[in-house]
Amino acid sequence: MTRSPRSTAPRRGRDRRARTLLPAPGVPRLTGDRRPTTAVVGGGIAGLAAATALAERGVRVTLYEREDALGGRLAGRPTVLADGSDVTMSRGFHAFFRQYYNLRGLLRRTDPGLERLRGLPDYPLRHENGLHDSFRHVPRTPPWSALGFVALSPTFGLRDLARMNPVAALPLLDVRVPDVYARLDDVSAHDFLRSVRFPEAAHHLAFEVFSRSFFADPRHLSAAEMVLMFHIYFLGSSEGLLFDVPDEPFPAALWDPLAGYLRGHGVELRTGTPVEAVEPTADGGFLVAADAAQHRYDTTVLALDAAGLRSLAARSPQLADAAWRERTARLRTAPPFLVSRLWLDRPVAADRPGFLGTSGYGTLDNVSVLERWEGEAARWTSRTAGSVVELHAYALPDRPAHDVEQKRLLEQLHRVYPETRAARVVDERHEWRADCPLFPVGGYDDRPTVRTCDPGLVVAGDLVRTDLPVALMERAATSGFLAANALLERWGVSGQTLWTVPDRGRGALLRRLARLG
């Protein structure tokens, strides 16, 4: 039984000022034997969103994914531990924030009540100098969220507030896209924070932790991207910094059910199938080269990471136009990062949170205790009386020595949670990757938009410019739906209704103050 597109629209959360984006009007679904065909290249969040919206409306979709599993950067793979346990390895902790309206709408296709997501009670932060911050008791509605954070945070004292530069901070009060990029894309996140003169402790404990969630050093990250992030998560939305995490590994909780849903709508899922090239045809279609053959489609969605899109464009010399290919060639990838997962023979202290953001502990950016929320990890710890601990290190130097960095992370874990010094590592897995997009200073104009000069070719992913207040996983899901809507509009079909956080500052007074800057 299929579900109608109307019943699968995303839902707004608690923020009554969230923005609704209605698709172009049209018929609800294509029917008949001559329905159009679409190749979706890439099986991450963006590709899955595009495939879902298209297939629900009758388009014949073939999804190509280079890896053997769906999910992109949130994929998982089975592995067997030294003790014989079957477990799943992935990149682990990802926060599914409540303002991820469109991503959550995608997940509702197979989990209408989002029962496979579990809320964590806090977003705790800890600096090596002993300072702690928490968002658990901070009000969620701006501007009280900002005022509450300052009032409750130990990193803001009266002298610190007196030294701040309020004029430099004014752009935070009224963030609009793409205006924020016109104003701040040529400034680094680091330099923007310095100009505001945030207290040093707050700079490291809160703002640097957040900016590094883009897998980049703040010195190399566009201030516009960081300011947009503040708007989405803190100053522009009343959803707050509350978030959920999947209660099982990504394949079981998210992608295996969605794969079944897509197959039920006729989608052909071709995992383990890299696409070598995409070329336009004389009749307006596309030839997709994969599996030593060429397959024709009416339209194509490119839902690839920065390196994948850059590589495919280089191998497809007729795709779009020369200007598009030149901009694509300039896309950059963020520095390498490491995810280390350790299966320990004894538990960490019972009061340790499921997630902890860290600063000042070398390259360690956060620590997760997986059995606090993930069923697979909880079952392993129940059998063994151990713990499953995960460590993340972002924005590492190019070509780091893997064994050295893995050892350093373990040493930092011992500093953060000293009881782990006595634990024996039963087994360990390490994910070394360098496939996240970099949003460098001055790089906004080179980033692709959803639409291209070819109306049958669209682009999706978290690297895409959408002119909407979205980021990270939500940008991936939103751009995937936007790509599908662009194609559906050509065929007179109504696409996916979308939501975003408010697209401007909250309140006329704050917006007027922002204009003073």
Protein backbone atom coordinates (compact mmCIF):
# COMPACT_ATOMS: atom_id res chain seq x y z
CA MET A 1 0.00 0.00 0.00
CA THR A 2 1.44 3.38 -0.99
CA ARG A 3 0.95 6.60 0.88
CA SER A 4 -0.19 9.69 -0.95
CA PRO A 5 2.25 12.58 -1.26
CA ARG A 6 -0.17 14.88 0.59
CA SER A 7 0.01 12.80 3.77
CA THR A 8 3.81 12.79 3.92
CA ALA A 9 4.49 16.54 4.15
CA PRO A 10 6.96 17.66 6.82
CA ARG A 11 5.50 19.01 10.02
CA ARG A 12 6.34 22.26 11.70
CA GLY A 13 7.61 21.89 15.25
CA ARG A 14 6.84 24.17 18.17
CA ASP A 15 7.96 27.35 16.35
CA ARG A 16 4.82 29.09 15.12
CA ARG A 17 6.94 31.45 13.01
CA ALA A 18 8.44 28.66 10.94
CA ARG A 19 8.16 29.35 7.23
CA THR A 20 6.10 27.29 4.80
CA LEU A 21 7.29 26.84 1.20
CA LEU A 22 4.51 25.64 -1.07
CA PRO A 23 5.40 23.86 -4.31
CA ALA A 24 4.14 25.01 -7.68
CA PRO A 25 0.53 23.94 -8.29
CA GLY A 26 -0.12 20.88 -10.42
CA VAL A 27 -1.66 17.43 -10.55
CA PRO A 28 -0.88 15.18 -7.56
CA ARG A 29 0.63 12.28 -9.50
CA LEU A 30 1.69 11.09 -12.95
CA THR A 31 -0.10 8.05 -14.32
CA GLY A 32 0.02 5.90 -17.43
CA ASP A 33 2.73 3.98 -19.23
CA ARG A 34 4.74 6.99 -20.44
CA ARG A 35 5.82 8.34 -17.13
CA PRO A 36 9.17 10.19 -17.15
CA THR A 37 12.37 8.59 -15.91
CA THR A 38 14.99 10.05 -13.56
CA ALA A 39 18.45 8.90 -12.55
CA VAL A 40 19.40 9.93 -9.03
CA VAL A 41 23.18 9.75 -8.63
CA GLY A 42 24.02 9.39 -4.96
CA GLY A 43 22.25 7.56 -2.16
CA GLY A 44 22.83 9.89 0.78
CA ILE A 45 20.17 12.02 2.44
CA ALA A 46 19.82 14.37 -0.55
CA GLY A 47 19.49 11.58 -3.10
CA LEU A 48 17.04 9.66 -0.94
CA ALA A 49 14.88 12.76 -0.47
CA ALA A 50 14.83 13.45 -4.21
CA ALA A 51 14.05 9.83 -5.06
CA THR A 52 11.26 9.74 -2.48
CA ALA A 53 9.45 12.85 -3.70
CA LEU A 54 9.76 11.82 -7.36
CA ALA A 55 8.68 8.21 -6.90
CA GLU A 56 5.70 9.13 -4.73
CA ARG A 57 4.42 11.20 -7.65
CA GLY A 58 4.78 8.51 -10.28
CA VAL A 59 8.22 9.20 -11.74
CA ARG A 60 10.25 6.11 -12.61
CA VAL A 61 13.40 6.46 -10.55
CA THR A 62 16.70 4.61 -10.62
CA LEU A 63 19.04 5.48 -7.75
CA TYR A 64 22.77 4.85 -8.15
CA GLU A 65 25.02 4.63 -5.10
CA ARG A 66 28.75 3.92 -5.31
CA GLU A 67 28.89 2.25 -1.90
CA ASP A 68 27.18 -1.01 -0.97
CA ALA A 69 24.83 0.72 1.48
CA LEU A 70 22.51 3.71 1.43
CA GLY A 71 22.87 6.70 3.72
CA GLY A 72 25.95 8.47 2.35
CA ARG A 73 27.88 9.92 5.27
CA LEU A 74 25.30 8.33 7.58
CA ALA A 75 25.71 4.83 6.18
CA GLY A 76 26.72 1.85 8.30
CA ARG A 77 28.49 -1.41 7.67
CA PRO A 78 28.46 -4.72 9.56
CA THR A 79 31.59 -5.91 11.33
CA VAL A 80 32.50 -8.68 13.78
CA LEU A 81 34.34 -7.89 17.01
CA ALA A 82 37.12 -9.94 18.53
CA ASP A 83 34.62 -11.45 20.98
CA GLY A 84 32.44 -12.68 18.10
CA SER A 85 29.76 -9.98 18.42
CA ASP A 86 28.07 -8.78 15.23
CA VAL A 87 27.93 -4.97 15.34
CA THR A 88 27.51 -2.00 13.01
CA MET A 89 30.23 0.57 12.41
CA SER A 90 29.37 4.05 11.17
CA ARG A 91 30.40 7.65 11.72
CA GLY A 92 28.27 7.56 14.80
CA PHE A 93 26.83 10.54 16.60
CA HIS A 94 24.74 12.96 14.54
CA ALA A 95 22.26 15.33 16.15
CA PHE A 96 18.81 15.32 14.56
CA PHE A 97 17.69 18.75 15.73
CA ARG A 98 14.01 19.57 16.09
CA GLN A 99 14.27 22.29 13.41
CA TYR A 100 15.25 19.69 10.81
CA TYR A 101 11.69 19.77 9.54
CA ASN A 102 12.32 18.34 6.08
CA LEU A 103 14.73 15.60 7.15
CA ARG A 104 12.27 14.55 9.81
CA GLY A 105 9.55 14.60 7.17
CA LEU A 106 11.61 12.18 5.09
CA LEU A 107 11.99 9.85 8.08
CA ARG A 108 8.25 9.99 8.77
CA ARG A 109 7.67 8.01 5.57
CA THR A 110 8.49 4.87 7.51
CA ASP A 111 8.23 6.15 11.09
CA PRO A 112 5.23 8.53 11.28
CA GLY A 113 5.67 9.21 14.98
CA LEU A 114 9.49 9.33 14.81
CA GLU A 115 9.52 6.58 17.40
CA ARG A 116 12.93 5.39 16.21
CA LEU A 117 14.45 8.69 17.36
CA ARG A 118 15.32 9.23 21.01
CA GLY A 119 15.75 12.63 22.61
CA LEU A 120 18.89 13.44 24.58
CA PRO A 121 18.29 15.80 27.50
CA ASP A 122 21.14 18.25 26.96
CA TYR A 123 23.92 19.56 24.72
CA PRO A 124 26.69 19.71 27.36
CA LEU A 125 30.07 21.32 26.65
CA ARG A 126 33.29 21.01 28.64
CA HIS A 127 36.61 22.84 28.44
CA GLU A 128 39.85 21.38 29.74
CA ASN A 129 40.16 24.30 32.18
CA GLY A 130 37.15 22.94 34.06
CA LEU A 131 34.44 25.20 32.67
CA HIS A 132 31.14 23.59 31.68
CA ASP A 133 28.23 24.89 29.64
CA SER A 134 24.78 23.44 29.22
CA PHE A 135 21.71 24.26 27.14
CA ARG A 136 19.28 22.16 29.14
CA HIS A 137 17.79 25.08 31.09
CA VAL A 138 18.27 27.80 28.48
CA PRO A 139 14.95 29.21 27.17
CA ARG A 140 14.20 28.13 23.64
CA THR A 141 12.51 31.24 22.25
CA PRO A 142 14.69 34.14 21.03
CA PRO A 143 15.75 36.61 22.29
CA TRP A 144 15.31 34.95 25.69
CA SER A 145 17.47 32.06 24.47
CA ALA A 146 20.48 34.35 24.00
CA LEU A 147 19.84 36.27 27.21
CA GLY A 148 19.32 33.04 29.13
CA PHE A 149 22.51 31.53 27.79
CA VAL A 150 24.53 34.57 28.81
CA ALA A 151 22.90 34.64 32.24
CA LEU A 152 23.41 30.94 32.92
CA SER A 153 26.78 30.40 31.28
CA PRO A 154 29.89 30.55 33.50
CA THR A 155 31.86 31.88 30.54
CA PHE A 156 30.13 35.29 30.58
CA GLY A 157 30.97 37.66 33.43
CA LEU A 158 30.05 41.33 33.81
CA ARG A 159 33.55 42.43 32.82
CA ASP A 160 33.39 40.17 29.75
CA LEU A 161 30.09 41.70 28.69
CA ALA A 162 31.48 45.20 29.09
CA ARG A 163 34.41 44.39 26.78
CA MET A 164 32.23 42.99 23.99
CA ASN A 165 31.61 44.92 20.77
CA PRO A 166 27.82 44.95 20.38
CA VAL A 167 27.92 46.70 17.00
CA ALA A 168 29.99 43.90 15.49
CA ALA A 169 27.43 41.38 16.82
CA LEU A 170 24.44 43.09 15.20
CA PRO A 171 24.43 40.86 12.08
CA LEU A 172 23.41 37.98 14.35
CA LEU A 173 20.05 39.63 15.02
CA ASP A 174 18.62 39.55 11.49
CA VAL A 175 19.97 36.76 9.31
CA ARG A 176 18.58 36.46 5.79
CA VAL A 177 19.73 34.32 2.91
CA PRO A 178 21.45 35.18 0.61
CA ASP A 179 22.04 38.60 2.20
CA VAL A 180 24.18 37.10 4.97
CA TYR A 181 26.62 35.80 2.35
CA ALA A 182 26.85 39.18 0.62
CA ARG A 183 27.74 40.72 3.99
CA LEU A 184 29.96 38.12 5.63
CA ASP A 185 31.22 35.51 3.15
CA ASP A 186 34.54 37.34 2.79
CA VAL A 187 35.21 37.13 6.56
CA SER A 188 36.34 34.04 8.45
CA ALA A 189 34.33 32.70 11.38
CA HIS A 190 37.40 33.20 13.56
CA ASP A 191 37.79 36.88 12.61
CA PHE A 192 34.09 37.57 13.07
CA LEU A 193 34.12 36.15 16.59
CA ARG A 194 37.26 38.15 17.37
CA SER A 195 35.58 41.35 16.16
CA VAL A 196 32.67 40.75 18.54
CA ARG A 197 35.16 40.20 21.36
CA PHE A 198 33.32 37.30 22.90
CA PRO A 199 34.95 36.16 26.15
CA GLU A 200 37.86 33.83 25.44
CA ALA A 201 36.27 30.98 27.37
CA ALA A 202 32.97 31.36 25.50
CA HIS A 203 34.82 31.61 22.20
CA HIS A 204 36.45 28.22 22.75
CA LEU A 205 33.77 26.44 24.73
CA ALA A 206 30.66 27.27 22.74
CA PHE A 207 31.29 29.05 19.47
CA GLU A 208 34.34 27.12 18.32
CA VAL A 209 32.64 23.82 19.16
CA PHE A 210 29.69 24.82 16.99
CA SER A 211 31.78 26.10 14.08
CA ARG A 212 33.81 22.88 14.05
CA SER A 213 30.59 20.97 13.45
CA PHE A 214 31.23 22.01 9.84
CA PHE A 215 34.42 19.88 9.98
CA ALA A 216 36.56 22.96 9.42
CA ASP A 217 38.94 25.16 11.35
CA PRO A 218 37.13 28.46 12.14
CA ARG A 219 39.99 30.31 10.44
CA HIS A 220 39.02 28.72 7.14
CA LEU A 221 35.23 28.77 7.51
CA SER A 222 33.04 31.52 6.08
CA ALA A 223 31.57 33.70 8.82
CA ALA A 224 28.34 33.77 6.84
CA GLU A 225 27.94 30.02 7.29
CA MET A 226 28.58 30.25 11.02
CA VAL A 227 26.22 33.20 11.50
CA LEU A 228 23.54 31.31 9.58
CA MET A 229 24.11 28.40 11.94
CA PHE A 230 23.54 30.66 14.96
CA HIS A 231 20.27 31.78 13.39
CA ILE A 232 19.08 28.23 12.69
CA TYR A 233 19.91 26.71 16.05
CA PHE A 234 19.81 29.57 18.51
CA LEU A 235 18.82 33.12 17.56
CA GLY A 236 16.22 32.56 14.83
CA SER A 237 14.34 29.45 15.91
CA SER A 238 12.37 28.62 19.03
CA GLU A 239 13.07 24.88 18.67
CA GLY A 240 16.20 25.39 20.76
CA LEU A 241 19.24 23.14 20.90
CA LEU A 242 17.25 20.03 21.72
CA PHE A 243 17.93 17.08 19.47
CA ASP A 244 17.24 13.41 18.90
CA VAL A 245 19.42 10.48 17.91
CA PRO A 246 18.45 7.17 16.26
CA ASP A 247 17.80 4.40 18.78
CA GLU A 248 19.54 1.81 16.59
CA PRO A 249 22.41 2.03 14.06
CA PHE A 250 21.61 4.09 10.99
CA PRO A 251 20.83 1.18 8.62
CA ALA A 252 18.30 -0.45 10.96
CA ALA A 253 16.70 2.76 12.23
CA LEU A 254 16.66 4.84 9.04
CA TRP A 255 17.80 3.50 5.70
CA ASP A 256 16.66 -0.13 5.53
CA PRO A 257 13.04 0.89 6.17
CA LEU A 258 13.30 3.74 3.66
CA ALA A 259 14.80 1.39 1.06
CA GLY A 260 11.76 -0.86 1.44
CA TYR A 261 9.48 2.16 1.10
CA LEU A 262 11.22 3.26 -2.11
CA ARG A 263 11.07 -0.21 -3.63
CA GLY A 264 7.37 -0.22 -2.85
CA HIS A 265 7.10 2.89 -5.03
CA GLY A 266 8.96 1.23 -7.89
CA VAL A 267 12.42 2.73 -7.31
CA GLU A 268 15.32 0.64 -8.59
CA LEU A 269 18.11 0.83 -6.02
CA ARG A 270 21.50 0.10 -7.55
CA THR A 271 23.97 0.13 -4.67
CA GLY A 272 27.59 -0.76 -5.27
CA THR A 273 27.28 0.94 -8.66
CA PRO A 274 29.47 3.98 -9.31
CA VAL A 275 28.44 6.30 -12.13
CA GLU A 276 31.31 7.00 -14.50
CA ALA A 277 29.81 9.84 -16.54
CA VAL A 278 26.57 11.64 -17.38
CA GLU A 279 26.10 13.13 -20.82
CA PRO A 280 23.16 15.00 -22.36
CA THR A 281 21.45 13.55 -25.41
CA ALA A 282 20.22 15.37 -28.50
CA ASP A 283 16.57 14.86 -27.49
CA GLY A 284 17.01 16.50 -24.08
CA GLY A 285 17.65 13.38 -22.01
CA PHE A 286 20.78 11.96 -20.37
CA LEU A 287 23.01 8.93 -20.79
CA VAL A 288 24.27 7.59 -17.47
CA ALA A 289 27.36 5.41 -17.78
CA ALA A 290 27.40 2.69 -15.11
CA ASP A 291 28.19 -1.03 -15.01
CA ALA A 292 30.00 -0.83 -18.38
CA ALA A 293 26.77 0.27 -20.07
CA GLN A 294 24.86 3.46 -20.88
CA HIS A 295 21.32 3.97 -19.66
CA ARG A 296 19.03 6.74 -20.91
CA TYR A 297 16.88 8.86 -18.59
CA ASP A 298 14.72 11.91 -19.14
CA THR A 299 16.23 13.80 -16.20
CA THR A 300 19.09 13.49 -13.70
CA VAL A 301 19.64 14.46 -10.08
CA LEU A 302 23.27 14.79 -9.00
CA ALA A 303 23.30 14.19 -5.23
CA LEU A 304 27.03 13.78 -4.63
CA ASP A 305 29.58 15.10 -2.16
CA ALA A 306 32.01 17.80 -3.27
CA ALA A 307 34.72 15.42 -4.46
CA GLY A 308 32.21 13.17 -6.21
CA LEU A 309 30.52 16.05 -8.03
CA ARG A 310 33.86 17.54 -9.02
CA SER A 311 35.07 14.20 -10.35
CA LEU A 312 31.88 13.39 -12.24
CA ALA A 313 31.82 16.83 -13.86
CA ALA A 314 35.42 16.36 -15.00
CA ARG A 315 34.48 13.05 -16.64
CA SER A 316 31.36 14.54 -18.29
CA PRO A 317 32.65 17.28 -20.61
CA GLN A 318 29.24 18.09 -22.11
CA LEU A 319 27.34 18.34 -18.83
CA ALA A 320 25.59 21.69 -18.19
CA ASP A 321 27.97 24.36 -19.51
CA ALA A 322 31.63 25.34 -19.20
CA ALA A 323 30.98 27.94 -16.49
CA TRP A 324 29.15 25.37 -14.32
CA ARG A 325 31.93 22.83 -14.76
CA GLU A 326 34.60 25.44 -13.92
CA ARG A 327 32.81 26.41 -10.70
CA THR A 328 32.36 22.76 -9.82
CA ALA A 329 36.08 22.17 -10.30
CA ARG A 330 36.78 24.76 -7.59
CA LEU A 331 34.67 23.04 -4.92
CA ARG A 332 36.73 22.09 -1.90
CA THR A 333 36.56 19.35 0.68
CA ALA A 334 36.98 19.91 4.41
CA PRO A 335 40.08 18.51 6.15
CA PRO A 336 40.24 14.88 7.28
CA PHE A 337 38.41 13.74 10.37
CA LEU A 338 38.49 10.66 12.56
CA VAL A 339 35.77 8.67 14.31
CA SER A 340 37.15 6.11 16.79
CA ARG A 341 34.78 3.63 18.41
CA LEU A 342 36.03 1.63 21.37
CA TRP A 343 34.40 -1.40 22.97
CA LEU A 344 35.61 -1.35 26.59
CA ASP A 345 35.57 -4.20 29.10
CA ARG A 346 34.04 -2.07 31.88
CA PRO A 347 31.51 0.75 32.02
CA VAL A 348 32.17 4.45 32.10
CA ALA A 349 30.69 6.22 35.12
CA ALA A 350 26.92 6.02 35.28
CA ASP A 351 26.49 9.80 35.28
CA ARG A 352 28.34 10.36 32.00
CA PRO A 353 26.06 11.94 29.36
CA GLY A 354 25.29 10.27 26.06
CA PHE A 355 27.08 13.13 24.28
CA LEU A 356 29.66 15.67 25.42
CA GLY A 357 31.21 18.43 23.31
CA THR A 358 34.81 19.18 24.29
CA SER A 359 37.35 21.95 23.80
CA GLY A 360 40.99 22.16 24.82
CA TYR A 361 41.54 18.40 24.78
CA GLY A 362 43.92 18.29 21.84
CA THR A 363 42.06 17.27 18.68
CA LEU A 364 39.17 15.64 20.57
CA ASP A 365 35.90 17.40 19.67
CA ASN A 366 33.31 15.21 21.37
CA VAL A 367 32.72 11.98 23.25
CA SER A 368 29.66 9.75 23.02
CA VAL A 369 28.64 6.84 25.25
CA LEU A 370 26.55 4.89 22.78
CA GLU A 371 24.74 2.57 25.17
CA ARG A 372 23.00 5.63 26.58
CA TRP A 373 20.78 5.71 23.48
CA GLU A 374 21.62 3.03 20.88
CA GLY A 375 19.99 -0.36 21.28
CA GLU A 376 22.78 -2.37 19.65
CA ALA A 377 25.40 -0.84 21.97
CA ALA A 378 23.13 -1.28 24.99
CA ARG A 379 22.68 -4.98 24.22
CA TRP A 380 26.45 -5.45 23.94
CA THR A 381 27.10 -3.70 27.24
CA SER A 382 24.33 -5.71 28.91
CA ARG A 383 26.08 -8.94 27.87
CA THR A 384 29.60 -7.81 28.73
CA ALA A 385 29.24 -5.20 31.51
CA GLY A 386 31.36 -2.91 29.32
CA SER A 387 30.84 0.36 27.44
CA VAL A 388 30.85 1.51 23.82
CA VAL A 389 32.58 4.88 23.57
CA GLU A 390 32.99 6.98 20.45
CA LEU A 391 35.48 9.81 19.88
CA HIS A 392 35.37 12.43 17.11
CA ALA A 393 38.23 14.60 15.88
CA TYR A 394 37.43 17.17 13.16
CA ALA A 395 39.61 19.30 10.91
CA LEU A 396 42.80 17.30 11.33
CA PRO A 397 46.00 18.17 9.46
CA ASP A 398 46.44 16.78 5.97
CA ARG A 399 47.94 13.28 5.89
CA PRO A 400 47.96 12.71 9.66
CA ALA A 401 49.68 9.62 11.06
CA HIS A 402 46.68 7.40 11.74
CA ASP A 403 48.13 5.34 14.57
CA VAL A 404 49.49 8.43 16.33
CA GLU A 405 46.21 10.33 16.16
CA GLN A 406 44.18 7.31 17.29
CA LYS A 407 46.43 6.96 20.32
CA ARG A 408 46.12 10.68 21.10
CA LEU A 409 42.35 10.47 21.08
CA LEU A 410 42.45 7.60 23.54
CA GLU A 411 44.74 9.63 25.81
CA GLN A 412 42.29 12.55 25.69
CA LEU A 413 39.42 10.21 26.59
CA HIS A 414 41.37 9.25 29.69
CA ARG A 415 41.61 12.93 30.61
CA VAL A 416 37.90 13.57 30.06
CA TYR A 417 36.67 10.35 31.72
CA PRO A 418 39.52 9.18 34.00
CA GLU A 419 37.80 5.89 34.87
CA THR A 420 38.49 4.68 31.32
CA ARG A 421 42.23 4.45 32.10
CA ALA A 422 41.58 1.13 33.83
CA ALA A 423 39.51 -0.25 30.97
CA ARG A 424 40.80 -2.75 28.44
CA VAL A 425 39.88 -2.12 24.82
CA VAL A 426 38.08 -5.29 23.72
CA ASP A 427 38.04 -4.08 20.12
CA GLU A 428 38.16 -0.86 18.16
CA ARG A 429 37.19 0.54 14.79
CA HIS A 430 38.39 3.75 13.18
CA GLU A 431 36.75 5.71 10.37
CA TRP A 432 39.11 8.07 8.56
CA ARG A 433 37.29 10.30 6.09
CA ALA A 434 37.73 13.52 4.14
CA ASP A 435 34.46 13.92 2.26
CA CYS A 436 32.59 16.80 3.89
CA PRO A 437 32.17 20.07 1.96
CA LEU A 438 34.29 23.03 2.94
CA PHE A 439 32.57 26.42 3.00
CA PRO A 440 35.68 28.59 2.68
CA VAL A 441 35.93 32.32 3.01
CA GLY A 442 34.69 33.81 -0.27
CA GLY A 443 33.49 30.48 -1.67
CA TYR A 444 29.74 31.05 -1.80
CA ASP A 445 29.55 32.03 -5.48
CA ASP A 446 31.24 28.81 -6.58
CA ARG A 447 28.75 26.56 -4.83
CA PRO A 448 26.16 24.98 -7.14
CA THR A 449 22.48 25.85 -7.01
CA VAL A 450 19.71 23.27 -7.30
CA ARG A 451 18.87 24.34 -10.85
CA THR A 452 21.43 24.38 -13.66
CA CYS A 453 21.35 25.82 -17.16
CA ASP A 454 19.88 22.48 -18.29
CA PRO A 455 16.29 22.18 -16.99
CA GLY A 456 16.58 18.40 -16.85
CA LEU A 457 19.70 18.46 -14.64
CA VAL A 458 19.47 19.39 -10.96
CA VAL A 459 21.89 19.22 -8.03
CA ALA A 460 21.28 18.33 -4.38
CA GLY A 461 23.39 17.96 -1.26
CA ASP A 462 24.64 19.81 1.80
CA LEU A 463 27.09 21.74 -0.41
CA VAL A 464 24.27 23.33 -2.45
CA ARG A 465 23.13 26.97 -2.29
CA THR A 466 19.41 26.98 -1.56
CA ASP A 467 18.77 30.61 -0.48
CA LEU A 468 17.02 29.11 2.55
CA PRO A 469 18.05 29.04 6.24
CA VAL A 470 19.13 25.38 6.33
CA ALA A 471 22.43 23.65 7.05
CA LEU A 472 24.12 20.26 7.39
CA MET A 473 21.72 17.28 7.19
CA GLU A 474 18.70 19.56 6.82
CA ARG A 475 20.29 21.30 3.83
CA ALA A 476 20.84 17.89 2.25
CA ALA A 477 17.21 16.83 2.72
CA THR A 478 15.80 20.22 1.70
CA SER A 479 17.92 20.45 -1.45
CA GLY A 480 16.88 16.92 -2.41
CA PHE A 481 13.21 17.84 -2.17
CA LEU A 482 13.87 21.12 -4.03
CA ALA A 483 15.59 19.19 -6.82
CA ALA A 484 12.59 16.88 -7.12
CA ASN A 485 10.21 19.86 -7.11
CA ALA A 486 12.15 21.53 -9.93
CA LEU A 487 11.69 18.46 -12.12
CA LEU A 488 8.08 17.85 -11.12
CA GLU A 489 7.23 21.44 -12.01
CA ARG A 490 8.31 20.72 -15.62
CA TRP A 491 5.71 17.95 -15.81
CA GLY A 492 2.91 19.91 -14.16
CA VAL A 493 3.03 17.91 -10.93
CA SER A 494 2.78 19.49 -7.48
CA GLY A 495 5.84 18.69 -5.42
CA GLN A 496 6.78 18.54 -1.74
CA THR A 497 5.68 21.18 0.74
CA LEU A 498 8.67 22.31 2.81
CA TRP A 499 9.29 24.11 6.09
CA THR A 500 12.24 26.16 7.33
CA VAL A 501 13.04 28.14 10.44
CA PRO A 502 12.06 31.84 10.11
CA ASP A 503 13.88 33.50 7.24
CA ARG A 504 14.66 36.73 9.13
CA GLY A 505 15.35 38.00 12.63
CA ARG A 506 12.63 37.63 15.23
CA GLY A 507 10.87 40.87 15.98
CA ALA A 508 10.88 44.27 14.35
CA LEU A 509 13.02 45.81 17.09
CA LEU A 510 15.82 43.28 16.63
CA ARG A 511 15.70 43.71 12.87
CA ARG A 512 15.99 47.49 13.24
CA LEU A 513 18.95 47.06 15.57
CA ALA A 514 20.62 44.77 13.03
CA ARG A 515 20.33 47.45 10.36
CA LEU A 516 22.40 49.78 12.54
CA GLY A 517 25.39 47.55 11.85
